[in-house]
Amino acid sequence: MDHLTDKVNQFRDERDWRQFHNEKDLAISISLEASELLEIFQWQSSQEAIDQNLTHIKEELADVLIYALMFADNLDLDIDEIISDKLAKNAQKYPISKSKGNRKKYTEWER
């Protein structure tokens, strides 16, 4: 992951764009790019969207990931660590015995 972050930062720094990449604007950009990705799927099935727009999907997903890498780097967050921590937390909320094959959110399960 560090290699990708370095490549993204090099691209940004060569253009002197670091000055524009504060946490607020990066968070906004993540949301905007995610919305552009979502828009590809509007009014058609998943498969239709993929079949007709795979290149566009890759580009929008890359934009989301690029902004996420810059956001994490700005806050000096270790991506491997925060993802591992979140997966461990989700494993507690979604034990296999209750969640396997079940798409309901843990708050919807009968207690």
PDB file of N, CA and C in Angstrom:
ATOM      1  N   MET A   1       0.820  -1.187   0.000  1.00  0.00           N
ATOM      2  CA  MET A   1       0.000   0.000   0.000  1.00  0.00           C
ATOM      3  C   MET A   1       0.873   1.263   0.000  1.00  0.00           C
ATOM      4  N   ASP A   2       2.001   1.199   0.696  1.00  0.00           N
ATOM      5  CA  ASP A   2       2.887   2.366   0.757  1.00  0.00           C
ATOM      6  C   ASP A   2       3.384   2.764  -0.630  1.00  0.00           C
ATOM      7  N   HIS A   3       3.649   1.770  -1.473  1.00  0.00           N
ATOM      8  CA  HIS A   3       4.130   2.050  -2.830  1.00  0.00           C
ATOM      9  C   HIS A   3       3.090   2.862  -3.607  1.00  0.00           C
ATOM     10  N   LEU A   4       1.817   2.474  -3.491  1.00  0.00           N
ATOM     11  CA  LEU A   4       0.757   3.219  -4.174  1.00  0.00           C
ATOM     12  C   LEU A   4       0.619   4.632  -3.615  1.00  0.00           C
ATOM     13  N   THR A   5       0.678   4.754  -2.308  1.00  0.00           N
ATOM     14  CA  THR A   5       0.597   6.078  -1.687  1.00  0.00           C
ATOM     15  C   THR A   5       1.739   6.962  -2.171  1.00  0.00           C
ATOM     16  N   ASP A   6       2.935   6.383  -2.260  1.00  0.00           N
ATOM     17  CA  ASP A   6       4.085   7.146  -2.753  1.00  0.00           C
ATOM     18  C   ASP A   6       3.864   7.620  -4.186  1.00  0.00           C
ATOM     19  N   LYS A   7       3.314   6.752  -5.037  1.00  0.00           N
ATOM     20  CA  LYS A   7       3.051   7.129  -6.431  1.00  0.00           C
ATOM     21  C   LYS A   7       2.012   8.249  -6.512  1.00  0.00           C
ATOM     22  N   VAL A   8       0.963   8.128  -5.714  1.00  0.00           N
ATOM     23  CA  VAL A   8      -0.085   9.155  -5.690  1.00  0.00           C
ATOM     24  C   VAL A   8       0.493  10.483  -5.201  1.00  0.00           C
ATOM     25  N   ASN A   9       1.276  10.431  -4.128  1.00  0.00           N
ATOM     26  CA  ASN A   9       1.864  11.655  -3.585  1.00  0.00           C
ATOM     27  C   ASN A   9       2.847  12.292  -4.563  1.00  0.00           C
ATOM     28  N   GLN A  10       3.602  11.474  -5.270  1.00  0.00           N
ATOM     29  CA  GLN A  10       4.531  12.008  -6.262  1.00  0.00           C
ATOM     30  C   GLN A  10       3.766  12.751  -7.361  1.00  0.00           C
ATOM     31  N   PHE A  11       2.702  12.137  -7.859  1.00  0.00           N
ATOM     32  CA  PHE A  11       1.866  12.776  -8.878  1.00  0.00           C
ATOM     33  C   PHE A  11       1.347  14.118  -8.367  1.00  0.00           C
ATOM     34  N   ARG A  12       0.818  14.110  -7.135  1.00  0.00           N
ATOM     35  CA  ARG A  12       0.272  15.330  -6.525  1.00  0.00           C
ATOM     36  C   ARG A  12       1.356  16.388  -6.339  1.00  0.00           C
ATOM     37  N   ASP A  13       2.488  15.977  -5.797  1.00  0.00           N
ATOM     38  CA  ASP A  13       3.543  16.930  -5.460  1.00  0.00           C
ATOM     39  C   ASP A  13       4.190  17.542  -6.695  1.00  0.00           C
ATOM     40  N   GLU A  14       4.303  16.777  -7.772  1.00  0.00           N
ATOM     41  CA  GLU A  14       4.863  17.316  -9.014  1.00  0.00           C
ATOM     42  C   GLU A  14       4.010  18.463  -9.558  1.00  0.00           C
ATOM     43  N   ARG A  15       2.761  18.484  -9.188  1.00  0.00           N
ATOM     44  CA  ARG A  15       1.833  19.515  -9.658  1.00  0.00           C
ATOM     45  C   ARG A  15       1.558  20.586  -8.594  1.00  0.00           C
ATOM     46  N   ASP A  16       2.215  20.455  -7.445  1.00  0.00           N
ATOM     47  CA  ASP A  16       2.035  21.386  -6.332  1.00  0.00           C
ATOM     48  C   ASP A  16       0.569  21.473  -5.903  1.00  0.00           C
ATOM     49  N   TRP A  17      -0.064  20.322  -5.778  1.00  0.00           N
ATOM     50  CA  TRP A  17      -1.477  20.262  -5.394  1.00  0.00           C
ATOM     51  C   TRP A  17      -1.676  19.961  -3.908  1.00  0.00           C
ATOM     52  N   ARG A  18      -0.609  19.681  -3.176  1.00  0.00           N
ATOM     53  CA  ARG A  18      -0.754  19.352  -1.753  1.00  0.00           C
ATOM     54  C   ARG A  18      -1.504  20.459  -1.020  1.00  0.00           C
ATOM     55  N   GLN A  19      -1.281  21.679  -1.423  1.00  0.00           N
ATOM     56  CA  GLN A  19      -1.910  22.837  -0.770  1.00  0.00           C
ATOM     57  C   GLN A  19      -3.435  22.804  -0.842  1.00  0.00           C
ATOM     58  N   PHE A  20      -3.973  22.056  -1.793  1.00  0.00           N
ATOM     59  CA  PHE A  20      -5.427  21.981  -1.968  1.00  0.00           C
ATOM     60  C   PHE A  20      -6.047  20.744  -1.317  1.00  0.00           C
ATOM     61  N   HIS A  21      -5.206  19.866  -0.805  1.00  0.00           N
ATOM     62  CA  HIS A  21      -5.682  18.561  -0.342  1.00  0.00           C
ATOM     63  C   HIS A  21      -5.756  18.487   1.177  1.00  0.00           C
ATOM     64  N   ASN A  22      -6.597  19.326   1.756  1.00  0.00           N
ATOM     65  CA  ASN A  22      -6.848  19.237   3.195  1.00  0.00           C
ATOM     66  C   ASN A  22      -7.881  18.132   3.441  1.00  0.00           C
ATOM     67  N   GLU A  23      -8.020  17.749   4.689  1.00  0.00           N
ATOM     68  CA  GLU A  23      -8.871  16.610   5.028  1.00  0.00           C
ATOM     69  C   GLU A  23     -10.329  16.835   4.627  1.00  0.00           C
ATOM     70  N   LYS A  24     -10.843  18.025   4.832  1.00  0.00           N
ATOM     71  CA  LYS A  24     -12.238  18.313   4.468  1.00  0.00           C
ATOM     72  C   LYS A  24     -12.451  18.130   2.973  1.00  0.00           C
ATOM     73  N   ASP A  25     -11.586  18.721   2.178  1.00  0.00           N
ATOM     74  CA  ASP A  25     -11.766  18.636   0.730  1.00  0.00           C
ATOM     75  C   ASP A  25     -11.523  17.227   0.206  1.00  0.00           C
ATOM     76  N   LEU A  26     -10.611  16.496   0.819  1.00  0.00           N
ATOM     77  CA  LEU A  26     -10.407  15.103   0.411  1.00  0.00           C
ATOM     78  C   LEU A  26     -11.623  14.253   0.759  1.00  0.00           C
ATOM     79  N   ALA A  27     -12.209  14.475   1.934  1.00  0.00           N
ATOM     80  CA  ALA A  27     -13.423  13.730   2.306  1.00  0.00           C
ATOM     81  C   ALA A  27     -14.558  14.042   1.334  1.00  0.00           C
ATOM     82  N   ILE A  28     -14.695  15.302   0.976  1.00  0.00           N
ATOM     83  CA  ILE A  28     -15.718  15.684  -0.008  1.00  0.00           C
ATOM     84  C   ILE A  28     -15.439  14.996  -1.339  1.00  0.00           C
ATOM     85  N   SER A  29     -14.185  14.998  -1.758  1.00  0.00           N
ATOM     86  CA  SER A  29     -13.821  14.390  -3.039  1.00  0.00           C
ATOM     87  C   SER A  29     -14.082  12.890  -3.051  1.00  0.00           C
ATOM     88  N   ILE A  30     -13.822  12.217  -1.935  1.00  0.00           N
ATOM     89  CA  ILE A  30     -14.130  10.782  -1.845  1.00  0.00           C
ATOM     90  C   ILE A  30     -15.614  10.562  -2.088  1.00  0.00           C
ATOM     91  N   SER A  31     -16.441  11.360  -1.437  1.00  0.00           N
ATOM     92  CA  SER A  31     -17.888  11.223  -1.587  1.00  0.00           C
ATOM     93  C   SER A  31     -18.342  11.533  -3.010  1.00  0.00           C
ATOM     94  N   LEU A  32     -17.804  12.582  -3.593  1.00  0.00           N
ATOM     95  CA  LEU A  32     -18.186  12.950  -4.961  1.00  0.00           C
ATOM     96  C   LEU A  32     -17.798  11.868  -5.961  1.00  0.00           C
ATOM     97  N   GLU A  33     -16.593  11.346  -5.826  1.00  0.00           N
ATOM     98  CA  GLU A  33     -16.144  10.303  -6.753  1.00  0.00           C
ATOM     99  C   GLU A  33     -16.934   9.011  -6.545  1.00  0.00           C
ATOM    100  N   ALA A  34     -17.273   8.701  -5.295  1.00  0.00           N
ATOM    101  CA  ALA A  34     -18.108   7.522  -5.033  1.00  0.00           C
ATOM    102  C   ALA A  34     -19.480   7.697  -5.666  1.00  0.00           C
ATOM    103  N   SER A  35     -19.988   8.918  -5.645  1.00  0.00           N
ATOM    104  CA  SER A  35     -21.276   9.191  -6.295  1.00  0.00           C
ATOM    105  C   SER A  35     -21.179   9.026  -7.805  1.00  0.00           C
ATOM    106  N   GLU A  36     -20.056   9.410  -8.389  1.00  0.00           N
ATOM    107  CA  GLU A  36     -19.863   9.211  -9.824  1.00  0.00           C
ATOM    108  C   GLU A  36     -19.820   7.722 -10.159  1.00  0.00           C
ATOM    109  N   LEU A  37     -19.210   6.936  -9.291  1.00  0.00           N
ATOM    110  CA  LEU A  37     -19.201   5.483  -9.473  1.00  0.00           C
ATOM    111  C   LEU A  37     -20.618   4.932  -9.373  1.00  0.00           C
ATOM    112  N   LEU A  38     -21.350   5.380  -8.390  1.00  0.00           N
ATOM    113  CA  LEU A  38     -22.729   4.939  -8.187  1.00  0.00           C
ATOM    114  C   LEU A  38     -23.617   5.297  -9.372  1.00  0.00           C
ATOM    115  N   GLU A  39     -23.402   6.464  -9.934  1.00  0.00           N
ATOM    116  CA  GLU A  39     -24.229   6.928 -11.045  1.00  0.00           C
ATOM    117  C   GLU A  39     -24.159   5.987 -12.250  1.00  0.00           C
ATOM    118  N   ILE A  40     -23.042   5.323 -12.425  1.00  0.00           N
ATOM    119  CA  ILE A  40     -22.890   4.379 -13.539  1.00  0.00           C
ATOM    120  C   ILE A  40     -23.949   3.287 -13.467  1.00  0.00           C
ATOM    121  N   PHE A  41     -24.352   2.920 -12.268  1.00  0.00           N
ATOM    122  CA  PHE A  41     -25.282   1.806 -12.068  1.00  0.00           C
ATOM    123  C   PHE A  41     -26.753   2.232 -12.059  1.00  0.00           C
ATOM    124  N   GLN A  42     -26.991   3.534 -12.107  1.00  0.00           N
ATOM    125  CA  GLN A  42     -28.366   4.034 -12.033  1.00  0.00           C
ATOM    126  C   GLN A  42     -29.175   3.575 -13.243  1.00  0.00           C
ATOM    127  N   TRP A  43     -30.373   3.089 -12.963  1.00  0.00           N
ATOM    128  CA  TRP A  43     -31.381   2.733 -13.966  1.00  0.00           C
ATOM    129  C   TRP A  43     -31.032   1.514 -14.815  1.00  0.00           C
ATOM    130  N   GLN A  44     -30.145   0.674 -14.339  1.00  0.00           N
ATOM    131  CA  GLN A  44     -29.860  -0.569 -15.055  1.00  0.00           C
ATOM    132  C   GLN A  44     -29.380  -1.615 -14.058  1.00  0.00           C
ATOM    133  N   SER A  45     -29.366  -2.835 -14.500  1.00  0.00           N
ATOM    134  CA  SER A  45     -28.902  -3.902 -13.613  1.00  0.00           C
ATOM    135  C   SER A  45     -27.390  -3.783 -13.420  1.00  0.00           C
ATOM    136  N   SER A  46     -26.893  -4.422 -12.378  1.00  0.00           N
ATOM    137  CA  SER A  46     -25.455  -4.421 -12.139  1.00  0.00           C
ATOM    138  C   SER A  46     -24.702  -4.943 -13.351  1.00  0.00           C
ATOM    139  N   GLN A  47     -25.181  -6.061 -13.888  1.00  0.00           N
ATOM    140  CA  GLN A  47     -24.474  -6.678 -15.009  1.00  0.00           C
ATOM    141  C   GLN A  47     -24.475  -5.790 -16.247  1.00  0.00           C
ATOM    142  N   GLU A  48     -25.596  -5.141 -16.519  1.00  0.00           N
ATOM    143  CA  GLU A  48     -25.650  -4.214 -17.662  1.00  0.00           C
ATOM    144  C   GLU A  48     -24.637  -3.084 -17.483  1.00  0.00           C
ATOM    145  N   ALA A  49     -24.599  -2.526 -16.292  1.00  0.00           N
ATOM    146  CA  ALA A  49     -23.671  -1.428 -16.021  1.00  0.00           C
ATOM    147  C   ALA A  49     -22.228  -1.877 -16.202  1.00  0.00           C
ATOM    148  N   ILE A  50     -21.910  -3.058 -15.697  1.00  0.00           N
ATOM    149  CA  ILE A  50     -20.551  -3.577 -15.815  1.00  0.00           C
ATOM    150  C   ILE A  50     -20.210  -3.848 -17.273  1.00  0.00           C
ATOM    151  N   ASP A  51     -21.110  -4.511 -17.968  1.00  0.00           N
ATOM    152  CA  ASP A  51     -20.863  -4.851 -19.373  1.00  0.00           C
ATOM    153  C   ASP A  51     -20.639  -3.608 -20.232  1.00  0.00           C
ATOM    154  N   GLN A  52     -21.351  -2.544 -19.942  1.00  0.00           N
ATOM    155  CA  GLN A  52     -21.305  -1.346 -20.780  1.00  0.00           C
ATOM    156  C   GLN A  52     -20.290  -0.297 -20.315  1.00  0.00           C
ATOM    157  N   ASN A  53     -19.815  -0.421 -19.076  1.00  0.00           N
ATOM    158  CA  ASN A  53     -19.028   0.683 -18.501  1.00  0.00           C
ATOM    159  C   ASN A  53     -17.805   0.254 -17.704  1.00  0.00           C
ATOM    160  N   LEU A  54     -17.249  -0.900 -17.975  1.00  0.00           N
ATOM    161  CA  LEU A  54     -16.169  -1.401 -17.121  1.00  0.00           C
ATOM    162  C   LEU A  54     -14.990  -0.426 -17.051  1.00  0.00           C
ATOM    163  N   THR A  55     -14.605   0.151 -18.156  1.00  0.00           N
ATOM    164  CA  THR A  55     -13.494   1.106 -18.145  1.00  0.00           C
ATOM    165  C   THR A  55     -13.828   2.312 -17.268  1.00  0.00           C
ATOM    166  N   HIS A  56     -15.032   2.831 -17.401  1.00  0.00           N
ATOM    167  CA  HIS A  56     -15.466   3.975 -16.594  1.00  0.00           C
ATOM    168  C   HIS A  56     -15.520   3.594 -15.112  1.00  0.00           C
ATOM    169  N   ILE A  57     -15.988   2.392 -14.816  1.00  0.00           N
ATOM    170  CA  ILE A  57     -16.031   1.906 -13.433  1.00  0.00           C
ATOM    171  C   ILE A  57     -14.626   1.883 -12.842  1.00  0.00           C
ATOM    172  N   LYS A  58     -13.668   1.355 -13.592  1.00  0.00           N
ATOM    173  CA  LYS A  58     -12.279   1.308 -13.117  1.00  0.00           C
ATOM    174  C   LYS A  58     -11.753   2.707 -12.818  1.00  0.00           C
ATOM    175  N   GLU A  59     -12.056   3.653 -13.702  1.00  0.00           N
ATOM    176  CA  GLU A  59     -11.566   5.020 -13.516  1.00  0.00           C
ATOM    177  C   GLU A  59     -12.169   5.673 -12.278  1.00  0.00           C
ATOM    178  N   GLU A  60     -13.459   5.504 -12.079  1.00  0.00           N
ATOM    179  CA  GLU A  60     -14.108   6.117 -10.914  1.00  0.00           C
ATOM    180  C   GLU A  60     -13.665   5.447  -9.618  1.00  0.00           C
ATOM    181  N   LEU A  61     -13.514   4.128  -9.636  1.00  0.00           N
ATOM    182  CA  LEU A  61     -13.013   3.433  -8.451  1.00  0.00           C
ATOM    183  C   LEU A  61     -11.596   3.891  -8.132  1.00  0.00           C
ATOM    184  N   ALA A  62     -10.771   4.053  -9.158  1.00  0.00           N
ATOM    185  CA  ALA A  62      -9.413   4.550  -8.940  1.00  0.00           C
ATOM    186  C   ALA A  62      -9.442   5.936  -8.301  1.00  0.00           C
ATOM    187  N   ASP A  63     -10.339   6.803  -8.759  1.00  0.00           N
ATOM    188  CA  ASP A  63     -10.450   8.138  -8.158  1.00  0.00           C
ATOM    189  C   ASP A  63     -10.792   8.051  -6.672  1.00  0.00           C
ATOM    190  N   VAL A  64     -11.739   7.192  -6.316  1.00  0.00           N
ATOM    191  CA  VAL A  64     -12.114   7.009  -4.906  1.00  0.00           C
ATOM    192  C   VAL A  64     -10.899   6.542  -4.103  1.00  0.00           C
ATOM    193  N   LEU A  65     -10.202   5.556  -4.620  1.00  0.00           N
ATOM    194  CA  LEU A  65      -9.055   4.995  -3.902  1.00  0.00           C
ATOM    195  C   LEU A  65      -7.902   5.991  -3.790  1.00  0.00           C
ATOM    196  N   ILE A  66      -7.666   6.750  -4.844  1.00  0.00           N
ATOM    197  CA  ILE A  66      -6.604   7.765  -4.808  1.00  0.00           C
ATOM    198  C   ILE A  66      -6.888   8.789  -3.712  1.00  0.00           C
ATOM    199  N   TYR A  67      -8.107   9.303  -3.679  1.00  0.00           N
ATOM    200  CA  TYR A  67      -8.444  10.277  -2.635  1.00  0.00           C
ATOM    201  C   TYR A  67      -8.388   9.643  -1.244  1.00  0.00           C
ATOM    202  N   ALA A  68      -8.793   8.389  -1.125  1.00  0.00           N
ATOM    203  CA  ALA A  68      -8.729   7.705   0.173  1.00  0.00           C
ATOM    204  C   ALA A  68      -7.280   7.534   0.628  1.00  0.00           C
ATOM    205  N   LEU A  69      -6.394   7.199  -0.296  1.00  0.00           N
ATOM    206  CA  LEU A  69      -4.977   7.074   0.057  1.00  0.00           C
ATOM    207  C   LEU A  69      -4.410   8.414   0.523  1.00  0.00           C
ATOM    208  N   MET A  70      -4.744   9.486  -0.171  1.00  0.00           N
ATOM    209  CA  MET A  70      -4.257  10.808   0.235  1.00  0.00           C
ATOM    210  C   MET A  70      -4.831  11.212   1.593  1.00  0.00           C
ATOM    211  N   PHE A  71      -6.101  10.908   1.813  1.00  0.00           N
ATOM    212  CA  PHE A  71      -6.748  11.229   3.086  1.00  0.00           C
ATOM    213  C   PHE A  71      -6.045  10.502   4.231  1.00  0.00           C
ATOM    214  N   ALA A  72      -5.826   9.205   4.061  1.00  0.00           N
ATOM    215  CA  ALA A  72      -5.147   8.418   5.096  1.00  0.00           C
ATOM    216  C   ALA A  72      -3.732   8.937   5.328  1.00  0.00           C
ATOM    217  N   ASP A  73      -3.040   9.269   4.259  1.00  0.00           N
ATOM    218  CA  ASP A  73      -1.672   9.772   4.383  1.00  0.00           C
ATOM    219  C   ASP A  73      -1.645  11.107   5.124  1.00  0.00           C
ATOM    220  N   ASN A  74      -2.588  11.993   4.823  1.00  0.00           N
ATOM    221  CA  ASN A  74      -2.655  13.282   5.521  1.00  0.00           C
ATOM    222  C   ASN A  74      -2.787  13.097   7.026  1.00  0.00           C
ATOM    223  N   LEU A  75      -3.537  12.084   7.427  1.00  0.00           N
ATOM    224  CA  LEU A  75      -3.768  11.833   8.856  1.00  0.00           C
ATOM    225  C   LEU A  75      -2.770  10.839   9.442  1.00  0.00           C
ATOM    226  N   ASP A  76      -1.775  10.460   8.639  1.00  0.00           N
ATOM    227  CA  ASP A  76      -0.744   9.505   9.053  1.00  0.00           C
ATOM    228  C   ASP A  76      -1.358   8.201   9.560  1.00  0.00           C
ATOM    229  N   LEU A  77      -2.371   7.725   8.831  1.00  0.00           N
ATOM    230  CA  LEU A  77      -3.044   6.478   9.179  1.00  0.00           C
ATOM    231  C   LEU A  77      -2.409   5.324   8.413  1.00  0.00           C
ATOM    232  N   ASP A  78      -2.219   4.219   9.094  1.00  0.00           N
ATOM    233  CA  ASP A  78      -1.702   3.004   8.470  1.00  0.00           C
ATOM    234  C   ASP A  78      -2.893   2.228   7.917  1.00  0.00           C
ATOM    235  N   ILE A  79      -3.009   2.164   6.612  1.00  0.00           N
ATOM    236  CA  ILE A  79      -4.174   1.551   5.978  1.00  0.00           C
ATOM    237  C   ILE A  79      -4.301   0.080   6.346  1.00  0.00           C
ATOM    238  N   ASP A  80      -3.185  -0.648   6.336  1.00  0.00           N
ATOM    239  CA  ASP A  80      -3.244  -2.063   6.730  1.00  0.00           C
ATOM    240  C   ASP A  80      -3.803  -2.202   8.146  1.00  0.00           C
ATOM    241  N   GLU A  81      -3.353  -1.346   9.037  1.00  0.00           N
ATOM    242  CA  GLU A  81      -3.795  -1.403  10.433  1.00  0.00           C
ATOM    243  C   GLU A  81      -5.272  -1.053  10.577  1.00  0.00           C
ATOM    244  N   ILE A  82      -5.721   0.017   9.938  1.00  0.00           N
ATOM    245  CA  ILE A  82      -7.116   0.417  10.135  1.00  0.00           C
ATOM    246  C   ILE A  82      -8.083  -0.569   9.489  1.00  0.00           C
ATOM    247  N   ILE A  83      -7.673  -1.178   8.379  1.00  0.00           N
ATOM    248  CA  ILE A  83      -8.535  -2.197   7.762  1.00  0.00           C
ATOM    249  C   ILE A  83      -8.560  -3.452   8.622  1.00  0.00           C
ATOM    250  N   SER A  84      -7.408  -3.860   9.132  1.00  0.00           N
ATOM    251  CA  SER A  84      -7.367  -5.033  10.015  1.00  0.00           C
ATOM    252  C   SER A  84      -8.201  -4.804  11.266  1.00  0.00           C
ATOM    253  N   ASP A  85      -8.089  -3.613  11.847  1.00  0.00           N
ATOM    254  CA  ASP A  85      -8.880  -3.282  13.037  1.00  0.00           C
ATOM    255  C   ASP A  85     -10.376  -3.322  12.734  1.00  0.00           C
ATOM    256  N   LYS A  86     -10.764  -2.786  11.598  1.00  0.00           N
ATOM    257  CA  LYS A  86     -12.187  -2.766  11.232  1.00  0.00           C
ATOM    258  C   LYS A  86     -12.700  -4.175  10.962  1.00  0.00           C
ATOM    259  N   LEU A  87     -11.899  -5.006  10.310  1.00  0.00           N
ATOM    260  CA  LEU A  87     -12.314  -6.394  10.077  1.00  0.00           C
ATOM    261  C   LEU A  87     -12.483  -7.144  11.394  1.00  0.00           C
ATOM    262  N   ALA A  88     -11.597  -6.894  12.351  1.00  0.00           N
ATOM    263  CA  ALA A  88     -11.720  -7.535  13.664  1.00  0.00           C
ATOM    264  C   ALA A  88     -12.997  -7.071  14.368  1.00  0.00           C
ATOM    265  N   LYS A  89     -13.288  -5.781  14.277  1.00  0.00           N
ATOM    266  CA  LYS A  89     -14.513  -5.241  14.874  1.00  0.00           C
ATOM    267  C   LYS A  89     -15.745  -5.846  14.208  1.00  0.00           C
ATOM    268  N   ASN A  90     -15.723  -5.936  12.874  1.00  0.00           N
ATOM    269  CA  ASN A  90     -16.849  -6.526  12.148  1.00  0.00           C
ATOM    270  C   ASN A  90     -17.017  -8.007  12.460  1.00  0.00           C
ATOM    271  N   ALA A  91     -15.927  -8.703  12.709  1.00  0.00           N
ATOM    272  CA  ALA A  91     -16.012 -10.120  13.067  1.00  0.00           C
ATOM    273  C   ALA A  91     -16.757 -10.296  14.390  1.00  0.00           C
ATOM    274  N   GLN A  92     -16.602  -9.337  15.294  1.00  0.00           N
ATOM    275  CA  GLN A  92     -17.330  -9.380  16.561  1.00  0.00           C
ATOM    276  C   GLN A  92     -18.815  -9.092  16.346  1.00  0.00           C
ATOM    277  N   LYS A  93     -19.104  -8.122  15.498  1.00  0.00           N
ATOM    278  CA  LYS A  93     -20.498  -7.752  15.236  1.00  0.00           C
ATOM    279  C   LYS A  93     -21.211  -8.777  14.366  1.00  0.00           C
ATOM    280  N   TYR A  94     -20.465  -9.449  13.522  1.00  0.00           N
ATOM    281  CA  TYR A  94     -21.043 -10.394  12.561  1.00  0.00           C
ATOM    282  C   TYR A  94     -20.407 -11.775  12.701  1.00  0.00           C
ATOM    283  N   PRO A  95     -20.673 -12.474  13.815  1.00  0.00           N
ATOM    284  CA  PRO A  95     -20.114 -13.819  13.956  1.00  0.00           C
ATOM    285  C   PRO A  95     -20.662 -14.729  12.853  1.00  0.00           C
ATOM    286  N   ILE A  96     -19.841 -15.630  12.395  1.00  0.00           N
ATOM    287  CA  ILE A  96     -20.231 -16.529  11.305  1.00  0.00           C
ATOM    288  C   ILE A  96     -21.518 -17.264  11.634  1.00  0.00           C
ATOM    289  N   SER A  97     -21.670 -17.667  12.884  1.00  0.00           N
ATOM    290  CA  SER A  97     -22.851 -18.446  13.272  1.00  0.00           C
ATOM    291  C   SER A  97     -24.163 -17.693  13.038  1.00  0.00           C
ATOM    292  N   LYS A  98     -24.119 -16.368  13.075  1.00  0.00           N
ATOM    293  CA  LYS A  98     -25.336 -15.580  12.870  1.00  0.00           C
ATOM    294  C   LYS A  98     -25.393 -14.916  11.491  1.00  0.00           C
ATOM    295  N   SER A  99     -24.255 -14.664  10.913  1.00  0.00           N
ATOM    296  CA  SER A  99     -24.248 -13.838   9.705  1.00  0.00           C
ATOM    297  C   SER A  99     -24.073 -14.614   8.403  1.00  0.00           C
ATOM    298  N   LYS A 100     -23.629 -15.850   8.473  1.00  0.00           N
ATOM    299  CA  LYS A 100     -23.372 -16.596   7.240  1.00  0.00           C
ATOM    300  C   LYS A 100     -24.660 -16.744   6.429  1.00  0.00           C
ATOM    301  N   GLY A 101     -24.625 -16.227   5.197  1.00  0.00           N
ATOM    302  CA  GLY A 101     -25.787 -16.301   4.323  1.00  0.00           C
ATOM    303  C   GLY A 101     -26.903 -15.337   4.683  1.00  0.00           C
ATOM    304  N   ASN A 102     -26.669 -14.450   5.636  1.00  0.00           N
ATOM    305  CA  ASN A 102     -27.688 -13.520   6.123  1.00  0.00           C
ATOM    306  C   ASN A 102     -27.257 -12.093   5.781  1.00  0.00           C
ATOM    307  N   ARG A 103     -28.042 -11.388   5.000  1.00  0.00           N
ATOM    308  CA  ARG A 103     -27.655 -10.037   4.599  1.00  0.00           C
ATOM    309  C   ARG A 103     -28.149  -8.947   5.540  1.00  0.00           C
ATOM    310  N   LYS A 104     -28.866  -9.321   6.583  1.00  0.00           N
ATOM    311  CA  LYS A 104     -29.376  -8.320   7.524  1.00  0.00           C
ATOM    312  C   LYS A 104     -28.239  -7.705   8.333  1.00  0.00           C
ATOM    313  N   LYS A 105     -28.429  -6.448   8.681  1.00  0.00           N
ATOM    314  CA  LYS A 105     -27.502  -5.774   9.567  1.00  0.00           C
ATOM    315  C   LYS A 105     -27.638  -6.376  10.960  1.00  0.00           C
ATOM    316  N   TYR A 106     -26.560  -6.404  11.704  1.00  0.00           N
ATOM    317  CA  TYR A 106     -26.570  -7.029  13.025  1.00  0.00           C
ATOM    318  C   TYR A 106     -27.637  -6.443  13.942  1.00  0.00           C
ATOM    319  N   THR A 107     -27.995  -5.197  13.753  1.00  0.00           N
ATOM    320  CA  THR A 107     -29.023  -4.572  14.596  1.00  0.00           C
ATOM    321  C   THR A 107     -30.421  -5.098  14.287  1.00  0.00           C
ATOM    322  N   GLU A 108     -30.583  -5.804  13.175  1.00  0.00           N
ATOM    323  CA  GLU A 108     -31.884  -6.349  12.786  1.00  0.00           C
ATOM    324  C   GLU A 108     -32.073  -7.797  13.238  1.00  0.00           C
ATOM    325  N   TRP A 109     -31.038  -8.404  13.770  1.00  0.00           N
ATOM    326  CA  TRP A 109     -31.156  -9.795  14.207  1.00  0.00           C
ATOM    327  C   TRP A 109     -32.005  -9.876  15.466  1.00  0.00           C
ATOM    328  N   GLU A 110     -32.696 -10.985  15.596  1.00  0.00           N
ATOM    329  CA  GLU A 110     -33.421 -11.231  16.843  1.00  0.00           C
ATOM    330  C   GLU A 110     -32.402 -11.555  17.919  1.00  0.00           C
ATOM    331  N   ARG A 111     -32.594 -10.989  19.039  1.00  0.00           N
ATOM    332  CA  ARG A 111     -31.630 -11.196  20.146  1.00  0.00           C
ATOM    333  C   ARG A 111     -32.042 -12.366  20.992  1.00  0.00           C
TER     334      ARG A 111
END
